[in-house]
Amino acid sequence: MTSRLLFAGLAALLAGSAAAQDATTQDATTPNGAAPAAAASPAPLVVYFETGSSAIRDSDVAVLDRASRAYNEGKPIVMILTGSADRTGRPGLNLELSQRRASAVLKGLLDRGIPADRFQVLAKGETDLPVPTDQGVEERQNRRVEITWR
């Protein structure tokens, strides 16, 4: 319950931050009077997990480093961390596991100095998977946290 409140609080902070950012950039124009071009968001990054685990693998630490560099180079308004799980186990447990995975990535990025108010954390469990599978089928591509920006 506490973690859900934390993420709900972060979402509220992000909404206010995004609105403030929109208000300050709304009147900005280029010297020729045209609206400035939007900065391109970095490509999505993915951290993969072992079956039933929310531990960041040594091989995926570099992904967190790349995400941190992308943030520091581009200062996106929000980093979106979306946790998923494959279809082994019960759906409720997979939802919790996807939340723990997203939280592990969040902690790794907070440890790299990115402010907490720059995150939106989502847990999808076994819904909307990149690789559709039947119940009980392990799929590495579905045991993940995807990092995107807006």
N, C-alpha and C. Protein backbone atom coordinates (compact mmCIF):
# COMPACT_ATOMS: atom_id res chain seq x y z
N MET A 1 0.83 -1.19 0.00
CA MET A 1 0.00 0.00 0.00
C MET A 1 0.87 1.26 0.00
N THR A 2 1.93 1.26 0.82
CA THR A 2 2.80 2.42 0.90
C THR A 2 3.46 2.71 -0.44
N SER A 3 3.92 1.66 -1.15
CA SER A 3 4.56 1.90 -2.45
C SER A 3 3.56 2.44 -3.46
N ARG A 4 2.31 2.01 -3.38
CA ARG A 4 1.30 2.54 -4.31
C ARG A 4 1.06 4.02 -4.03
N LEU A 5 1.06 4.41 -2.75
CA LEU A 5 0.89 5.82 -2.41
C LEU A 5 2.09 6.63 -2.89
N LEU A 6 3.31 6.08 -2.75
CA LEU A 6 4.50 6.76 -3.22
C LEU A 6 4.40 7.02 -4.71
N PHE A 7 4.00 6.00 -5.48
CA PHE A 7 3.92 6.17 -6.92
C PHE A 7 2.77 7.10 -7.31
N ALA A 8 1.67 7.07 -6.57
CA ALA A 8 0.58 8.00 -6.84
C ALA A 8 1.04 9.43 -6.55
N GLY A 9 1.82 9.60 -5.48
CA GLY A 9 2.35 10.92 -5.15
C GLY A 9 3.32 11.41 -6.21
N LEU A 10 4.17 10.52 -6.70
CA LEU A 10 5.10 10.89 -7.77
C LEU A 10 4.33 11.31 -9.02
N ALA A 11 3.26 10.59 -9.33
CA ALA A 11 2.46 10.92 -10.51
C ALA A 11 1.86 12.32 -10.36
N ALA A 12 1.38 12.65 -9.17
CA ALA A 12 0.80 13.98 -8.94
C ALA A 12 1.87 15.06 -9.09
N LEU A 13 3.06 14.81 -8.55
CA LEU A 13 4.15 15.77 -8.70
C LEU A 13 4.51 15.97 -10.16
N LEU A 14 4.54 14.86 -10.90
CA LEU A 14 4.90 14.94 -12.31
C LEU A 14 3.88 15.74 -13.10
N ALA A 15 2.62 15.55 -12.79
CA ALA A 15 1.57 16.29 -13.50
C ALA A 15 1.75 17.79 -13.28
N GLY A 16 2.03 18.18 -12.05
CA GLY A 16 2.25 19.60 -11.75
C GLY A 16 3.50 20.12 -12.41
N SER A 17 4.56 19.33 -12.42
CA SER A 17 5.82 19.73 -13.03
C SER A 17 5.65 19.90 -14.53
N ALA A 18 4.95 18.96 -15.17
CA ALA A 18 4.73 19.04 -16.61
C ALA A 18 3.88 20.26 -16.96
N ALA A 19 2.87 20.56 -16.16
CA ALA A 19 2.03 21.72 -16.41
C ALA A 19 2.83 23.00 -16.27
N ALA A 20 3.69 23.07 -15.26
CA ALA A 20 4.53 24.26 -15.08
C ALA A 20 5.48 24.42 -16.25
N GLN A 21 6.06 23.32 -16.73
CA GLN A 21 6.97 23.36 -17.87
C GLN A 21 6.24 23.84 -19.11
N ASP A 22 5.02 23.33 -19.34
CA ASP A 22 4.23 23.75 -20.49
C ASP A 22 3.94 25.25 -20.42
N ALA A 23 3.61 25.75 -19.24
CA ALA A 23 3.28 27.16 -19.08
C ALA A 23 4.48 28.05 -19.36
N THR A 24 5.68 27.62 -18.99
CA THR A 24 6.85 28.46 -19.20
C THR A 24 7.35 28.42 -20.63
N THR A 25 7.03 27.39 -21.39
CA THR A 25 7.52 27.29 -22.76
C THR A 25 6.45 27.60 -23.79
N GLN A 26 5.25 27.89 -23.35
CA GLN A 26 4.14 28.07 -24.28
C GLN A 26 4.35 29.26 -25.21
N ASP A 27 4.94 30.34 -24.73
CA ASP A 27 5.10 31.54 -25.53
C ASP A 27 6.44 31.61 -26.26
N ALA A 28 7.27 30.61 -26.10
CA ALA A 28 8.59 30.62 -26.72
C ALA A 28 8.46 30.48 -28.23
N THR A 29 9.24 31.30 -28.96
CA THR A 29 9.29 31.19 -30.42
C THR A 29 10.74 31.34 -30.86
N THR A 30 11.01 30.90 -32.07
CA THR A 30 12.34 31.08 -32.64
C THR A 30 12.43 32.49 -33.18
N PRO A 31 13.64 32.94 -33.54
CA PRO A 31 13.78 34.32 -34.05
C PRO A 31 12.88 34.62 -35.25
N ASN A 32 12.53 33.63 -36.05
CA ASN A 32 11.67 33.90 -37.21
C ASN A 32 10.19 33.82 -36.85
N GLY A 33 9.87 33.67 -35.54
CA GLY A 33 8.48 33.66 -35.11
C GLY A 33 7.85 32.29 -35.08
N ALA A 34 8.55 31.27 -35.54
CA ALA A 34 8.00 29.91 -35.55
C ALA A 34 8.21 29.26 -34.19
N ALA A 35 7.37 28.30 -33.91
CA ALA A 35 7.53 27.55 -32.67
C ALA A 35 8.80 26.73 -32.75
N PRO A 36 9.53 26.59 -31.64
CA PRO A 36 10.76 25.79 -31.67
C PRO A 36 10.45 24.32 -31.89
N ALA A 37 11.37 23.63 -32.53
CA ALA A 37 11.19 22.19 -32.75
C ALA A 37 11.35 21.45 -31.43
N ALA A 38 10.53 20.44 -31.23
CA ALA A 38 10.63 19.63 -30.01
C ALA A 38 11.90 18.79 -30.06
N ALA A 39 12.57 18.70 -28.93
CA ALA A 39 13.77 17.87 -28.86
C ALA A 39 13.36 16.41 -29.00
N ALA A 40 14.14 15.67 -29.73
CA ALA A 40 13.85 14.25 -29.93
C ALA A 40 14.11 13.49 -28.63
N SER A 41 13.21 12.61 -28.27
CA SER A 41 13.39 11.78 -27.08
C SER A 41 14.38 10.68 -27.39
N PRO A 42 15.17 10.28 -26.40
CA PRO A 42 16.07 9.14 -26.62
C PRO A 42 15.28 7.88 -26.94
N ALA A 43 15.92 6.94 -27.59
CA ALA A 43 15.29 5.66 -27.89
C ALA A 43 14.99 4.92 -26.59
N PRO A 44 13.93 4.13 -26.56
CA PRO A 44 13.63 3.35 -25.35
C PRO A 44 14.79 2.42 -25.00
N LEU A 45 14.95 2.19 -23.71
CA LEU A 45 15.95 1.25 -23.20
C LEU A 45 15.21 0.17 -22.43
N VAL A 46 15.78 -1.03 -22.35
CA VAL A 46 15.11 -2.14 -21.69
C VAL A 46 16.08 -2.85 -20.75
N VAL A 47 15.61 -3.09 -19.53
CA VAL A 47 16.33 -3.89 -18.54
C VAL A 47 15.58 -5.22 -18.44
N TYR A 48 16.29 -6.34 -18.58
CA TYR A 48 15.68 -7.67 -18.52
C TYR A 48 15.94 -8.33 -17.17
N PHE A 49 15.09 -9.28 -16.82
CA PHE A 49 15.16 -9.94 -15.52
C PHE A 49 15.07 -11.45 -15.68
N GLU A 50 15.61 -12.16 -14.68
CA GLU A 50 15.49 -13.61 -14.63
C GLU A 50 14.07 -13.96 -14.18
N THR A 51 13.63 -15.16 -14.41
CA THR A 51 12.31 -15.63 -14.01
C THR A 51 12.12 -15.44 -12.50
N GLY A 52 11.03 -14.79 -12.13
CA GLY A 52 10.68 -14.60 -10.72
C GLY A 52 11.54 -13.62 -9.96
N SER A 53 12.44 -12.91 -10.63
CA SER A 53 13.39 -12.03 -9.96
C SER A 53 13.14 -10.56 -10.28
N SER A 54 13.49 -9.70 -9.33
CA SER A 54 13.47 -8.26 -9.57
C SER A 54 14.86 -7.67 -9.38
N ALA A 55 15.88 -8.52 -9.32
CA ALA A 55 17.26 -8.07 -9.16
C ALA A 55 17.83 -7.62 -10.51
N ILE A 56 18.48 -6.47 -10.51
CA ILE A 56 19.13 -5.98 -11.72
C ILE A 56 20.36 -6.87 -11.98
N ARG A 57 20.44 -7.44 -13.17
CA ARG A 57 21.56 -8.29 -13.52
C ARG A 57 22.80 -7.43 -13.82
N ASP A 58 23.97 -7.98 -13.55
CA ASP A 58 25.22 -7.26 -13.83
C ASP A 58 25.27 -6.79 -15.28
N SER A 59 24.76 -7.62 -16.18
CA SER A 59 24.80 -7.27 -17.60
C SER A 59 23.87 -6.11 -17.95
N ASP A 60 22.94 -5.76 -17.07
CA ASP A 60 22.01 -4.66 -17.35
C ASP A 60 22.35 -3.36 -16.60
N VAL A 61 23.40 -3.37 -15.81
CA VAL A 61 23.83 -2.14 -15.13
C VAL A 61 24.17 -1.07 -16.16
N ALA A 62 24.74 -1.48 -17.29
CA ALA A 62 25.09 -0.53 -18.34
C ALA A 62 23.86 0.16 -18.91
N VAL A 63 22.72 -0.52 -18.91
CA VAL A 63 21.47 0.09 -19.40
C VAL A 63 21.09 1.26 -18.48
N LEU A 64 21.23 1.06 -17.17
CA LEU A 64 20.94 2.15 -16.23
C LEU A 64 21.90 3.31 -16.45
N ASP A 65 23.16 3.00 -16.71
CA ASP A 65 24.15 4.06 -16.99
C ASP A 65 23.76 4.84 -18.25
N ARG A 66 23.32 4.12 -19.30
CA ARG A 66 22.89 4.80 -20.53
C ARG A 66 21.67 5.68 -20.28
N ALA A 67 20.72 5.18 -19.49
CA ALA A 67 19.53 5.97 -19.17
C ALA A 67 19.90 7.23 -18.41
N SER A 68 20.84 7.11 -17.49
CA SER A 68 21.30 8.26 -16.72
C SER A 68 21.97 9.29 -17.63
N ARG A 69 22.82 8.81 -18.54
CA ARG A 69 23.47 9.73 -19.49
C ARG A 69 22.43 10.41 -20.38
N ALA A 70 21.45 9.65 -20.86
CA ALA A 70 20.40 10.23 -21.71
C ALA A 70 19.65 11.32 -20.96
N TYR A 71 19.37 11.07 -19.69
CA TYR A 71 18.70 12.10 -18.88
C TYR A 71 19.59 13.34 -18.76
N ASN A 72 20.83 13.14 -18.39
CA ASN A 72 21.73 14.27 -18.17
C ASN A 72 22.02 15.06 -19.43
N GLU A 73 22.00 14.40 -20.58
CA GLU A 73 22.25 15.09 -21.85
C GLU A 73 21.02 15.81 -22.37
N GLY A 74 19.83 15.27 -22.11
CA GLY A 74 18.63 15.84 -22.69
C GLY A 74 17.64 16.42 -21.72
N LYS A 75 17.76 16.11 -20.44
CA LYS A 75 16.83 16.58 -19.41
C LYS A 75 15.37 16.45 -19.83
N PRO A 76 14.92 15.22 -20.14
CA PRO A 76 13.50 15.05 -20.47
C PRO A 76 12.64 15.40 -19.26
N ILE A 77 11.41 15.75 -19.50
CA ILE A 77 10.51 16.11 -18.41
C ILE A 77 10.26 14.90 -17.53
N VAL A 78 9.99 13.74 -18.14
CA VAL A 78 9.62 12.55 -17.37
C VAL A 78 10.29 11.32 -17.98
N MET A 79 10.81 10.46 -17.10
CA MET A 79 11.28 9.13 -17.50
C MET A 79 10.20 8.16 -17.07
N ILE A 80 9.70 7.36 -18.00
CA ILE A 80 8.63 6.42 -17.71
C ILE A 80 9.23 5.02 -17.59
N LEU A 81 9.02 4.39 -16.45
CA LEU A 81 9.52 3.05 -16.18
C LEU A 81 8.33 2.11 -16.15
N THR A 82 8.26 1.19 -17.11
CA THR A 82 7.12 0.29 -17.24
C THR A 82 7.57 -1.15 -17.01
N GLY A 83 7.14 -1.73 -15.89
CA GLY A 83 7.51 -3.10 -15.54
C GLY A 83 6.53 -4.10 -16.10
N SER A 84 7.07 -5.26 -16.53
CA SER A 84 6.25 -6.35 -17.07
C SER A 84 6.76 -7.69 -16.53
N ALA A 85 5.95 -8.71 -16.69
CA ALA A 85 6.32 -10.07 -16.29
C ALA A 85 5.79 -11.03 -17.35
N ASP A 86 6.45 -12.18 -17.49
CA ASP A 86 5.92 -13.17 -18.42
C ASP A 86 4.71 -13.85 -17.79
N ARG A 87 4.15 -14.83 -18.47
CA ARG A 87 2.88 -15.42 -18.03
C ARG A 87 3.06 -16.69 -17.20
N THR A 88 4.21 -16.84 -16.55
CA THR A 88 4.37 -17.93 -15.60
C THR A 88 3.90 -17.42 -14.25
N GLY A 89 3.23 -18.24 -13.48
CA GLY A 89 2.72 -17.79 -12.18
C GLY A 89 1.34 -17.17 -12.30
N ARG A 90 0.81 -16.77 -11.16
CA ARG A 90 -0.54 -16.16 -11.12
C ARG A 90 -0.49 -14.69 -11.55
N PRO A 91 -1.54 -14.21 -12.20
CA PRO A 91 -1.56 -12.82 -12.67
C PRO A 91 -1.32 -11.78 -11.55
N GLY A 92 -1.91 -11.99 -10.38
CA GLY A 92 -1.71 -11.05 -9.29
C GLY A 92 -0.26 -10.98 -8.83
N LEU A 93 0.38 -12.14 -8.76
CA LEU A 93 1.80 -12.18 -8.39
C LEU A 93 2.66 -11.55 -9.47
N ASN A 94 2.29 -11.74 -10.72
CA ASN A 94 3.05 -11.13 -11.82
C ASN A 94 2.93 -9.61 -11.81
N LEU A 95 1.77 -9.10 -11.43
CA LEU A 95 1.61 -7.65 -11.31
C LEU A 95 2.54 -7.12 -10.21
N GLU A 96 2.57 -7.79 -9.06
CA GLU A 96 3.47 -7.38 -7.98
C GLU A 96 4.93 -7.47 -8.40
N LEU A 97 5.29 -8.54 -9.12
CA LEU A 97 6.65 -8.71 -9.59
C LEU A 97 7.04 -7.59 -10.56
N SER A 98 6.13 -7.23 -11.44
CA SER A 98 6.44 -6.15 -12.39
C SER A 98 6.62 -4.83 -11.65
N GLN A 99 5.89 -4.62 -10.56
CA GLN A 99 6.06 -3.42 -9.73
C GLN A 99 7.43 -3.43 -9.05
N ARG A 100 7.83 -4.58 -8.52
CA ARG A 100 9.16 -4.68 -7.88
C ARG A 100 10.27 -4.45 -8.90
N ARG A 101 10.09 -4.94 -10.10
CA ARG A 101 11.09 -4.72 -11.15
C ARG A 101 11.21 -3.23 -11.49
N ALA A 102 10.07 -2.58 -11.67
CA ALA A 102 10.09 -1.14 -11.97
C ALA A 102 10.71 -0.36 -10.81
N SER A 103 10.42 -0.78 -9.57
CA SER A 103 11.00 -0.12 -8.40
C SER A 103 12.51 -0.31 -8.33
N ALA A 104 13.00 -1.48 -8.74
CA ALA A 104 14.44 -1.74 -8.74
C ALA A 104 15.14 -0.82 -9.75
N VAL A 105 14.54 -0.63 -10.91
CA VAL A 105 15.11 0.27 -11.91
C VAL A 105 15.04 1.71 -11.39
N LEU A 106 13.92 2.08 -10.78
CA LEU A 106 13.79 3.42 -10.19
C LEU A 106 14.92 3.66 -9.19
N LYS A 107 15.14 2.73 -8.28
CA LYS A 107 16.20 2.88 -7.28
C LYS A 107 17.56 3.05 -7.96
N GLY A 108 17.82 2.24 -8.98
CA GLY A 108 19.09 2.35 -9.69
C GLY A 108 19.29 3.71 -10.33
N LEU A 109 18.23 4.30 -10.84
CA LEU A 109 18.34 5.61 -11.47
C LEU A 109 18.39 6.73 -10.43
N LEU A 110 17.66 6.58 -9.33
CA LEU A 110 17.77 7.54 -8.23
C LEU A 110 19.19 7.55 -7.68
N ASP A 111 19.79 6.36 -7.56
CA ASP A 111 21.17 6.25 -7.08
C ASP A 111 22.15 6.94 -8.01
N ARG A 112 21.77 7.14 -9.26
CA ARG A 112 22.62 7.83 -10.22
C ARG A 112 22.35 9.33 -10.25
N GLY A 113 21.53 9.81 -9.32
CA GLY A 113 21.34 11.25 -9.16
C GLY A 113 20.17 11.87 -9.91
N ILE A 114 19.33 11.08 -10.52
CA ILE A 114 18.16 11.65 -11.21
C ILE A 114 17.10 11.95 -10.16
N PRO A 115 16.53 13.16 -10.18
CA PRO A 115 15.54 13.54 -9.16
C PRO A 115 14.27 12.68 -9.22
N ALA A 116 13.72 12.38 -8.07
CA ALA A 116 12.53 11.52 -7.96
C ALA A 116 11.33 12.09 -8.71
N ASP A 117 11.25 13.41 -8.83
CA ASP A 117 10.08 14.01 -9.48
C ASP A 117 10.14 13.89 -11.01
N ARG A 118 11.14 13.21 -11.53
CA ARG A 118 11.27 13.02 -12.98
C ARG A 118 10.80 11.66 -13.46
N PHE A 119 10.13 10.89 -12.58
CA PHE A 119 9.74 9.53 -12.93
C PHE A 119 8.24 9.32 -12.90
N GLN A 120 7.80 8.46 -13.80
CA GLN A 120 6.47 7.87 -13.76
C GLN A 120 6.71 6.37 -13.78
N VAL A 121 6.18 5.66 -12.78
CA VAL A 121 6.44 4.24 -12.64
C VAL A 121 5.13 3.48 -12.84
N LEU A 122 5.16 2.52 -13.77
CA LEU A 122 3.97 1.73 -14.09
C LEU A 122 4.28 0.25 -13.96
N ALA A 123 3.28 -0.51 -13.55
CA ALA A 123 3.39 -1.97 -13.48
C ALA A 123 2.27 -2.56 -14.32
N LYS A 124 2.63 -3.36 -15.32
CA LYS A 124 1.64 -3.96 -16.21
C LYS A 124 1.41 -5.43 -15.94
N GLY A 125 2.25 -6.04 -15.12
CA GLY A 125 2.10 -7.48 -14.90
C GLY A 125 2.28 -8.22 -16.20
N GLU A 126 1.31 -9.05 -16.53
CA GLU A 126 1.39 -9.84 -17.77
C GLU A 126 0.45 -9.31 -18.84
N THR A 127 0.03 -8.06 -18.74
CA THR A 127 -0.85 -7.47 -19.74
C THR A 127 -0.03 -6.69 -20.76
N ASP A 128 -0.53 -6.59 -21.98
CA ASP A 128 0.09 -5.79 -23.04
C ASP A 128 1.57 -6.16 -23.22
N LEU A 129 1.84 -7.44 -23.38
CA LEU A 129 3.22 -7.93 -23.47
C LEU A 129 3.81 -7.73 -24.86
N PRO A 130 5.12 -7.49 -24.95
CA PRO A 130 5.77 -7.36 -26.25
C PRO A 130 5.70 -8.64 -27.08
N VAL A 131 5.75 -9.80 -26.40
CA VAL A 131 5.66 -11.09 -27.09
C VAL A 131 4.47 -11.86 -26.49
N PRO A 132 3.33 -11.88 -27.18
CA PRO A 132 2.17 -12.60 -26.65
C PRO A 132 2.47 -14.10 -26.51
N THR A 133 2.10 -14.65 -25.36
CA THR A 133 2.31 -16.08 -25.10
C THR A 133 1.08 -16.65 -24.39
N ASP A 134 1.02 -17.97 -24.35
CA ASP A 134 -0.01 -18.64 -23.57
C ASP A 134 0.37 -18.61 -22.10
N GLN A 135 -0.62 -18.80 -21.23
CA GLN A 135 -0.37 -18.88 -19.79
C GLN A 135 0.65 -19.98 -19.50
N GLY A 136 1.59 -19.71 -18.61
CA GLY A 136 2.59 -20.69 -18.22
C GLY A 136 3.83 -20.73 -19.08
N VAL A 137 3.86 -19.94 -20.16
CA VAL A 137 5.01 -19.94 -21.07
C VAL A 137 6.00 -18.85 -20.65
N GLU A 138 7.25 -19.27 -20.41
CA GLU A 138 8.32 -18.31 -20.09
C GLU A 138 8.74 -17.59 -21.36
N GLU A 139 8.95 -16.29 -21.26
CA GLU A 139 9.43 -15.51 -22.40
C GLU A 139 10.31 -14.38 -21.86
N ARG A 140 11.60 -14.46 -22.13
CA ARG A 140 12.57 -13.48 -21.63
C ARG A 140 12.19 -12.05 -22.02
N GLN A 141 11.73 -11.84 -23.23
CA GLN A 141 11.40 -10.50 -23.70
C GLN A 141 10.28 -9.85 -22.88
N ASN A 142 9.49 -10.64 -22.17
CA ASN A 142 8.38 -10.10 -21.37
C ASN A 142 8.79 -9.82 -19.93
N ARG A 143 9.94 -10.30 -19.48
CA ARG A 143 10.43 -10.05 -18.12
C ARG A 143 11.33 -8.83 -18.18
N ARG A 144 10.72 -7.64 -18.07
CA ARG A 144 11.46 -6.43 -18.40
C ARG A 144 10.91 -5.19 -17.72
N VAL A 145 11.74 -4.16 -17.75
CA VAL A 145 11.30 -2.79 -17.48
C VAL A 145 11.76 -1.97 -18.67
N GLU A 146 10.81 -1.31 -19.30
CA GLU A 146 11.13 -0.44 -20.43
C GLU A 146 11.22 0.99 -19.92
N ILE A 147 12.28 1.67 -20.35
CA ILE A 147 12.50 3.07 -19.97
C ILE A 147 12.23 3.91 -21.21
N THR A 148 11.25 4.80 -21.11
CA THR A 148 10.92 5.73 -22.19
C THR A 148 10.88 7.14 -21.62
N TRP A 149 10.77 8.12 -22.50
CA TRP A 149 10.80 9.53 -22.10
C TRP A 149 9.66 10.29 -22.74
N ARG A 150 9.28 11.36 -22.07
CA ARG A 150 8.36 12.34 -22.68
C ARG A 150 8.70 13.70 -22.13
